[in-house]
Amino acid sequence: MKRGKAAGYDNLTLEHIVNSHPSLICHLCKLFNLMLKHCHVPNDFGRGIVIPLIKDKRGNVNDC
């Protein structure tokens, strides 16, 4: 991941993880291993934000 990107649905950025306490990596590892072991992924892990970008400003902005 590149630094300086916009935050996601949870308002976390790469900088939050990079500048966090080193024990966070252990906790995240345990979390993902438990998710694999129990075959369960929380619904919020599938959430995201989609922001359409207009590339042709002279074209129709309502055209998909």
C-alpha atoms as a PDB file:
ATOM      1  CA  MET A   1       0.000   0.000   0.000  1.00  0.00           C
ATOM      2  CA  LYS A   2       1.083   3.544  -0.653  1.00  0.00           C
ATOM      3  CA  ARG A   3       1.183   6.151   2.074  1.00  0.00           C
ATOM      4  CA  GLY A   4      -1.041   9.216   1.866  1.00  0.00           C
ATOM      5  CA  LYS A   5      -4.094   7.374   0.536  1.00  0.00           C
ATOM      6  CA  ALA A   6      -7.593   8.160   1.774  1.00  0.00           C
ATOM      7  CA  ALA A   7      -8.996   6.337   4.775  1.00  0.00           C
ATOM      8  CA  GLY A   8     -11.481   3.533   4.326  1.00  0.00           C
ATOM      9  CA  TYR A   9     -14.860   2.879   5.903  1.00  0.00           C
ATOM     10  CA  ASP A  10     -13.242   2.542   9.352  1.00  0.00           C
ATOM     11  CA  ASN A  11     -11.256   5.812   8.995  1.00  0.00           C
ATOM     12  CA  LEU A  12      -7.944   3.947   9.283  1.00  0.00           C
ATOM     13  CA  THR A  13      -5.018   4.705   7.010  1.00  0.00           C
ATOM     14  CA  LEU A  14      -1.702   2.980   6.436  1.00  0.00           C
ATOM     15  CA  GLU A  15      -0.067   5.572   8.680  1.00  0.00           C
ATOM     16  CA  HIS A  16      -2.159   4.348  11.630  1.00  0.00           C
ATOM     17  CA  ILE A  17      -0.756   0.842  11.254  1.00  0.00           C
ATOM     18  CA  VAL A  18       2.822   1.903  10.495  1.00  0.00           C
ATOM     19  CA  ASN A  19       2.959   4.234  13.522  1.00  0.00           C
ATOM     20  CA  SER A  20       1.138   1.896  15.921  1.00  0.00           C
ATOM     21  CA  HIS A  21       2.645  -0.168  18.721  1.00  0.00           C
ATOM     22  CA  PRO A  22       4.533  -3.281  17.498  1.00  0.00           C
ATOM     23  CA  SER A  23       2.157  -5.539  19.452  1.00  0.00           C
ATOM     24  CA  LEU A  24      -0.608  -4.618  16.980  1.00  0.00           C
ATOM     25  CA  ILE A  25       0.936  -7.011  14.449  1.00  0.00           C
ATOM     26  CA  CYS A  26       0.636  -9.890  16.939  1.00  0.00           C
ATOM     27  CA  HIS A  27      -2.994  -9.025  17.668  1.00  0.00           C
ATOM     28  CA  LEU A  28      -3.877  -8.761  13.975  1.00  0.00           C
ATOM     29  CA  CYS A  29      -2.142 -12.083  13.299  1.00  0.00           C
ATOM     30  CA  LYS A  30      -4.179 -13.768  16.051  1.00  0.00           C
ATOM     31  CA  LEU A  31      -7.367 -12.179  14.739  1.00  0.00           C
ATOM     32  CA  PHE A  32      -6.850 -13.409  11.172  1.00  0.00           C
ATOM     33  CA  ASN A  33      -5.756 -16.875  12.318  1.00  0.00           C
ATOM     34  CA  LEU A  34      -8.919 -17.188  14.430  1.00  0.00           C
ATOM     35  CA  MET A  35     -11.007 -16.055  11.462  1.00  0.00           C
ATOM     36  CA  LEU A  36      -9.432 -18.811   9.355  1.00  0.00           C
ATOM     37  CA  LYS A  37      -9.811 -21.403  12.098  1.00  0.00           C
ATOM     38  CA  HIS A  38     -13.502 -20.648  12.681  1.00  0.00           C
ATOM     39  CA  CYS A  39     -14.320 -19.913   9.014  1.00  0.00           C
ATOM     40  CA  HIS A  40     -15.960 -16.631   9.904  1.00  0.00           C
ATOM     41  CA  VAL A  41     -15.359 -13.153   8.507  1.00  0.00           C
ATOM     42  CA  PRO A  42     -17.221 -10.190  10.070  1.00  0.00           C
ATOM     43  CA  ASN A  43     -19.663  -8.428   7.747  1.00  0.00           C
ATOM     44  CA  ASP A  44     -17.884  -5.095   8.237  1.00  0.00           C
ATOM     45  CA  PHE A  45     -14.767  -6.523   6.542  1.00  0.00           C
ATOM     46  CA  GLY A  46     -16.699  -6.394   3.257  1.00  0.00           C
ATOM     47  CA  ARG A  47     -17.679  -2.748   3.558  1.00  0.00           C
ATOM     48  CA  GLY A  48     -15.990  -0.049   1.563  1.00  0.00           C
ATOM     49  CA  ILE A  49     -16.407   3.359   0.047  1.00  0.00           C
ATOM     50  CA  VAL A  50     -16.702   3.819  -3.715  1.00  0.00           C
ATOM     51  CA  ILE A  51     -16.256   7.319  -5.036  1.00  0.00           C
ATOM     52  CA  PRO A  52     -16.846   7.738  -8.781  1.00  0.00           C
ATOM     53  CA  LEU A  53     -14.284   9.942 -10.510  1.00  0.00           C
ATOM     54  CA  ILE A  54     -15.239  11.989 -13.545  1.00  0.00           C
ATOM     55  CA  LYS A  55     -12.470  11.632 -16.115  1.00  0.00           C
ATOM     56  CA  ASP A  56     -14.071  13.448 -19.049  1.00  0.00           C
ATOM     57  CA  LYS A  57     -15.349  16.747 -17.655  1.00  0.00           C
ATOM     58  CA  ARG A  58     -16.837  17.726 -21.017  1.00  0.00           C
ATOM     59  CA  GLY A  59     -18.830  14.482 -21.270  1.00  0.00           C
ATOM     60  CA  ASN A  60     -22.077  13.437 -19.606  1.00  0.00           C
ATOM     61  CA  VAL A  61     -21.479  13.197 -15.830  1.00  0.00           C
ATOM     62  CA  ASN A  62     -24.506  10.853 -15.470  1.00  0.00           C
ATOM     63  CA  ASP A  63     -23.081   8.331 -17.964  1.00  0.00           C
ATOM     64  CA  CYS A  64     -21.705   5.245 -16.260  1.00  0.00           C
END
